Amino acid sequence: MNNIKFLRIPLYKLYHINDLSLFSGLSESSLKNLSSEYSSEEINEILLSIEWAIKNPKQDFKSMLPDIPFTNGEILDYLKIIHKQIGDLISK
């Protein structure tokens, strides 16, 4: 992966989720914040980094940020959920 820092952006949000089994997607305000905090090029890089992660499920996602309180499998499921949301955001 060329720029792993972009994957850290969505992974960082995991620090603010208590139970991934209840996670159904990013809130409307989180998506708006993403659009205001990052350029369209950066959001595209975030999306590409998530696509890379989905294609590389054996990657140790927990090693990217310390103390993420979820398993690799849970993190992968989370990335799959937000992948669609961010893709929809780009297509608007």
N, C-alpha and C. Protein backbone atom coordinates (compact mmCIF):
# COMPACT_ATOMS: atom_id res chain seq x y z
N MET A 1 0.85 -1.18 0.00
CA MET A 1 0.00 0.00 0.00
C MET A 1 0.89 1.23 0.00
N ASN A 2 0.58 2.16 -0.86
CA ASN A 2 1.43 3.33 -1.02
C ASN A 2 1.35 4.30 0.16
N ASN A 3 0.16 4.52 0.68
CA ASN A 3 0.04 5.52 1.72
C ASN A 3 -0.88 5.05 2.83
N ILE A 4 -0.31 4.37 3.78
CA ILE A 4 -1.09 3.76 4.86
C ILE A 4 -1.72 4.79 5.78
N LYS A 5 -1.21 6.02 5.75
CA LYS A 5 -1.75 7.04 6.65
C LYS A 5 -3.24 7.28 6.38
N PHE A 6 -3.69 7.09 5.16
CA PHE A 6 -5.10 7.31 4.85
C PHE A 6 -5.99 6.25 5.49
N LEU A 7 -5.48 5.06 5.71
CA LEU A 7 -6.27 4.03 6.39
C LEU A 7 -6.41 4.34 7.87
N ARG A 8 -5.46 5.05 8.40
CA ARG A 8 -5.54 5.43 9.82
C ARG A 8 -6.70 6.36 10.10
N ILE A 9 -7.13 7.12 9.12
CA ILE A 9 -8.23 8.07 9.32
C ILE A 9 -9.51 7.33 9.71
N PRO A 10 -9.98 6.36 8.92
CA PRO A 10 -11.18 5.65 9.37
C PRO A 10 -10.93 4.76 10.58
N LEU A 11 -9.72 4.23 10.72
CA LEU A 11 -9.43 3.39 11.88
C LEU A 11 -9.49 4.19 13.17
N TYR A 12 -9.10 5.44 13.11
CA TYR A 12 -9.12 6.29 14.30
C TYR A 12 -10.54 6.39 14.89
N LYS A 13 -11.55 6.36 14.03
CA LYS A 13 -12.93 6.46 14.49
C LYS A 13 -13.31 5.29 15.39
N LEU A 14 -12.57 4.20 15.31
CA LEU A 14 -12.85 3.03 16.16
C LEU A 14 -12.66 3.35 17.64
N TYR A 15 -11.84 4.32 17.95
CA TYR A 15 -11.66 4.71 19.35
C TYR A 15 -12.95 5.27 19.96
N HIS A 16 -13.88 5.67 19.10
CA HIS A 16 -15.12 6.32 19.55
C HIS A 16 -16.34 5.42 19.41
N ILE A 17 -16.11 4.14 19.15
CA ILE A 17 -17.20 3.17 19.02
C ILE A 17 -17.06 2.17 20.16
N ASN A 18 -18.12 2.00 20.92
CA ASN A 18 -18.09 1.07 22.06
C ASN A 18 -18.35 -0.37 21.66
N ASP A 19 -19.27 -0.58 20.74
CA ASP A 19 -19.69 -1.93 20.39
C ASP A 19 -19.87 -2.03 18.88
N LEU A 20 -18.93 -2.67 18.20
CA LEU A 20 -19.02 -2.77 16.75
C LEU A 20 -20.19 -3.63 16.28
N SER A 21 -20.68 -4.51 17.14
CA SER A 21 -21.82 -5.33 16.73
C SER A 21 -23.08 -4.48 16.55
N LEU A 22 -23.08 -3.28 17.12
CA LEU A 22 -24.21 -2.37 16.97
C LEU A 22 -23.96 -1.30 15.89
N PHE A 23 -22.78 -1.31 15.30
CA PHE A 23 -22.40 -0.30 14.33
C PHE A 23 -23.06 -0.57 12.98
N SER A 24 -23.82 0.40 12.49
CA SER A 24 -24.47 0.23 11.19
C SER A 24 -23.95 1.22 10.16
N GLY A 25 -23.02 2.07 10.56
CA GLY A 25 -22.45 3.02 9.63
C GLY A 25 -22.10 4.33 10.32
N LEU A 26 -21.37 5.15 9.61
CA LEU A 26 -21.00 6.46 10.13
C LEU A 26 -22.23 7.35 10.19
N SER A 27 -22.27 8.22 11.17
CA SER A 27 -23.39 9.14 11.29
C SER A 27 -23.32 10.17 10.17
N GLU A 28 -24.45 10.81 9.94
CA GLU A 28 -24.52 11.87 8.93
C GLU A 28 -23.50 12.97 9.25
N SER A 29 -23.36 13.31 10.53
CA SER A 29 -22.41 14.37 10.90
C SER A 29 -20.96 13.92 10.67
N SER A 30 -20.67 12.65 10.90
CA SER A 30 -19.31 12.15 10.63
C SER A 30 -18.99 12.23 9.15
N LEU A 31 -19.96 11.90 8.32
CA LEU A 31 -19.74 11.99 6.87
C LEU A 31 -19.57 13.44 6.43
N LYS A 32 -20.34 14.35 7.00
CA LYS A 32 -20.20 15.78 6.67
C LYS A 32 -18.84 16.29 7.12
N ASN A 33 -18.41 15.86 8.31
CA ASN A 33 -17.09 16.27 8.80
C ASN A 33 -15.98 15.77 7.89
N LEU A 34 -16.14 14.56 7.40
CA LEU A 34 -15.15 14.00 6.48
C LEU A 34 -15.03 14.89 5.25
N SER A 35 -16.17 15.31 4.72
CA SER A 35 -16.18 16.17 3.54
C SER A 35 -15.58 17.54 3.80
N SER A 36 -15.75 18.04 5.01
CA SER A 36 -15.21 19.38 5.31
C SER A 36 -13.75 19.33 5.74
N GLU A 37 -13.32 18.22 6.31
CA GLU A 37 -11.94 18.12 6.80
C GLU A 37 -10.93 17.68 5.73
N TYR A 38 -11.43 17.00 4.70
CA TYR A 38 -10.52 16.44 3.70
C TYR A 38 -10.98 16.83 2.30
N SER A 39 -10.00 17.00 1.42
CA SER A 39 -10.30 17.32 0.02
C SER A 39 -10.88 16.08 -0.66
N SER A 40 -11.46 16.29 -1.82
CA SER A 40 -12.01 15.15 -2.56
C SER A 40 -10.90 14.16 -2.93
N GLU A 41 -9.71 14.66 -3.18
CA GLU A 41 -8.58 13.77 -3.50
C GLU A 41 -8.21 12.93 -2.27
N GLU A 42 -8.22 13.56 -1.10
CA GLU A 42 -7.90 12.83 0.12
C GLU A 42 -8.97 11.80 0.46
N ILE A 43 -10.23 12.16 0.25
CA ILE A 43 -11.32 11.21 0.49
C ILE A 43 -11.19 10.03 -0.46
N ASN A 44 -10.80 10.29 -1.68
CA ASN A 44 -10.58 9.20 -2.63
C ASN A 44 -9.44 8.30 -2.15
N GLU A 45 -8.38 8.88 -1.61
CA GLU A 45 -7.27 8.09 -1.07
C GLU A 45 -7.73 7.25 0.13
N ILE A 46 -8.60 7.82 0.95
CA ILE A 46 -9.16 7.06 2.08
C ILE A 46 -9.92 5.85 1.54
N LEU A 47 -10.75 6.09 0.53
CA LEU A 47 -11.52 5.00 -0.07
C LEU A 47 -10.60 3.93 -0.66
N LEU A 48 -9.57 4.36 -1.36
CA LEU A 48 -8.62 3.40 -1.94
C LEU A 48 -7.90 2.60 -0.85
N SER A 49 -7.59 3.25 0.26
CA SER A 49 -6.92 2.53 1.35
C SER A 49 -7.86 1.50 1.97
N ILE A 50 -9.15 1.83 2.06
CA ILE A 50 -10.12 0.86 2.58
C ILE A 50 -10.27 -0.31 1.61
N GLU A 51 -10.30 -0.01 0.32
CA GLU A 51 -10.38 -1.08 -0.68
C GLU A 51 -9.17 -2.00 -0.57
N TRP A 52 -8.00 -1.41 -0.38
CA TRP A 52 -6.79 -2.22 -0.21
C TRP A 52 -6.93 -3.12 1.02
N ALA A 53 -7.43 -2.57 2.11
CA ALA A 53 -7.58 -3.33 3.35
C ALA A 53 -8.54 -4.50 3.17
N ILE A 54 -9.63 -4.26 2.48
CA ILE A 54 -10.63 -5.32 2.24
C ILE A 54 -10.02 -6.45 1.41
N LYS A 55 -9.16 -6.08 0.48
CA LYS A 55 -8.49 -7.09 -0.37
C LYS A 55 -7.34 -7.78 0.35
N ASN A 56 -6.93 -7.26 1.49
CA ASN A 56 -5.81 -7.81 2.27
C ASN A 56 -6.25 -8.08 3.70
N PRO A 57 -7.19 -9.00 3.89
CA PRO A 57 -7.77 -9.22 5.22
C PRO A 57 -6.78 -9.77 6.25
N LYS A 58 -5.63 -10.24 5.80
CA LYS A 58 -4.65 -10.76 6.76
C LYS A 58 -3.75 -9.66 7.31
N GLN A 59 -3.92 -8.45 6.81
CA GLN A 59 -3.17 -7.31 7.34
C GLN A 59 -3.49 -7.16 8.83
N ASP A 60 -2.49 -6.86 9.62
CA ASP A 60 -2.69 -6.65 11.06
C ASP A 60 -3.14 -5.21 11.29
N PHE A 61 -4.45 -4.98 11.21
CA PHE A 61 -5.00 -3.63 11.35
C PHE A 61 -4.75 -3.08 12.75
N LYS A 62 -4.76 -3.95 13.74
CA LYS A 62 -4.56 -3.51 15.13
C LYS A 62 -3.18 -2.87 15.32
N SER A 63 -2.23 -3.25 14.50
CA SER A 63 -0.88 -2.69 14.65
C SER A 63 -0.78 -1.25 14.13
N MET A 64 -1.76 -0.81 13.39
CA MET A 64 -1.69 0.53 12.80
C MET A 64 -1.95 1.63 13.81
N LEU A 65 -2.77 1.35 14.80
CA LEU A 65 -3.03 2.31 15.88
C LEU A 65 -3.05 1.52 17.18
N PRO A 66 -2.36 2.00 18.18
CA PRO A 66 -2.29 1.25 19.44
C PRO A 66 -3.64 1.20 20.15
N ASP A 67 -3.87 0.10 20.80
CA ASP A 67 -5.02 -0.06 21.69
C ASP A 67 -6.38 -0.02 21.03
N ILE A 68 -6.48 -0.32 19.74
CA ILE A 68 -7.80 -0.46 19.14
C ILE A 68 -8.44 -1.67 19.80
N PRO A 69 -9.62 -1.49 20.40
CA PRO A 69 -10.19 -2.55 21.23
C PRO A 69 -11.01 -3.61 20.47
N PHE A 70 -10.66 -3.86 19.21
CA PHE A 70 -11.44 -4.80 18.42
C PHE A 70 -10.51 -5.81 17.73
N THR A 71 -11.08 -6.93 17.35
CA THR A 71 -10.31 -7.95 16.63
C THR A 71 -10.11 -7.51 15.18
N ASN A 72 -9.18 -8.15 14.52
CA ASN A 72 -8.95 -7.87 13.11
C ASN A 72 -10.21 -8.10 12.29
N GLY A 73 -10.93 -9.18 12.59
CA GLY A 73 -12.16 -9.48 11.87
C GLY A 73 -13.22 -8.41 12.06
N GLU A 74 -13.35 -7.91 13.28
CA GLU A 74 -14.31 -6.84 13.55
C GLU A 74 -13.93 -5.57 12.80
N ILE A 75 -12.64 -5.28 12.77
CA ILE A 75 -12.15 -4.10 12.06
C ILE A 75 -12.44 -4.22 10.57
N LEU A 76 -12.22 -5.39 10.02
CA LEU A 76 -12.49 -5.62 8.60
C LEU A 76 -13.98 -5.43 8.30
N ASP A 77 -14.86 -5.94 9.16
CA ASP A 77 -16.30 -5.75 8.97
C ASP A 77 -16.66 -4.27 9.00
N TYR A 78 -16.06 -3.54 9.92
CA TYR A 78 -16.28 -2.09 10.03
C TYR A 78 -15.84 -1.40 8.73
N LEU A 79 -14.68 -1.75 8.22
CA LEU A 79 -14.18 -1.14 6.99
C LEU A 79 -15.11 -1.43 5.81
N LYS A 80 -15.67 -2.62 5.76
CA LYS A 80 -16.61 -2.96 4.68
C LYS A 80 -17.86 -2.09 4.75
N ILE A 81 -18.32 -1.82 5.95
CA ILE A 81 -19.52 -0.98 6.12
C ILE A 81 -19.24 0.45 5.66
N ILE A 82 -18.13 1.01 6.11
CA ILE A 82 -17.89 2.42 5.77
C ILE A 82 -17.39 2.58 4.33
N HIS A 83 -16.90 1.52 3.73
CA HIS A 83 -16.46 1.58 2.33
C HIS A 83 -17.60 2.05 1.44
N LYS A 84 -18.76 1.45 1.62
CA LYS A 84 -19.92 1.83 0.81
C LYS A 84 -20.31 3.28 1.08
N GLN A 85 -20.33 3.66 2.35
CA GLN A 85 -20.73 5.03 2.69
C GLN A 85 -19.79 6.07 2.07
N ILE A 86 -18.51 5.82 2.15
CA ILE A 86 -17.54 6.78 1.61
C ILE A 86 -17.60 6.78 0.09
N GLY A 87 -17.83 5.62 -0.50
CA GLY A 87 -18.01 5.55 -1.96
C GLY A 87 -19.21 6.36 -2.40
N ASP A 88 -20.30 6.27 -1.64
CA ASP A 88 -21.50 7.06 -1.94
C ASP A 88 -21.22 8.56 -1.79
N LEU A 89 -20.41 8.91 -0.79
CA LEU A 89 -20.06 10.30 -0.55
C LEU A 89 -19.29 10.87 -1.76
N ILE A 90 -18.39 10.09 -2.31
CA ILE A 90 -17.58 10.53 -3.45
C ILE A 90 -18.46 10.71 -4.69
N SER A 91 -19.44 9.84 -4.84
CA SER A 91 -20.25 9.89 -6.05
C SER A 91 -21.28 11.02 -6.05
N LYS A 92 -21.41 11.73 -4.93
CA LYS A 92 -22.37 12.85 -4.87
C LYS A 92 -21.85 14.06 -5.59
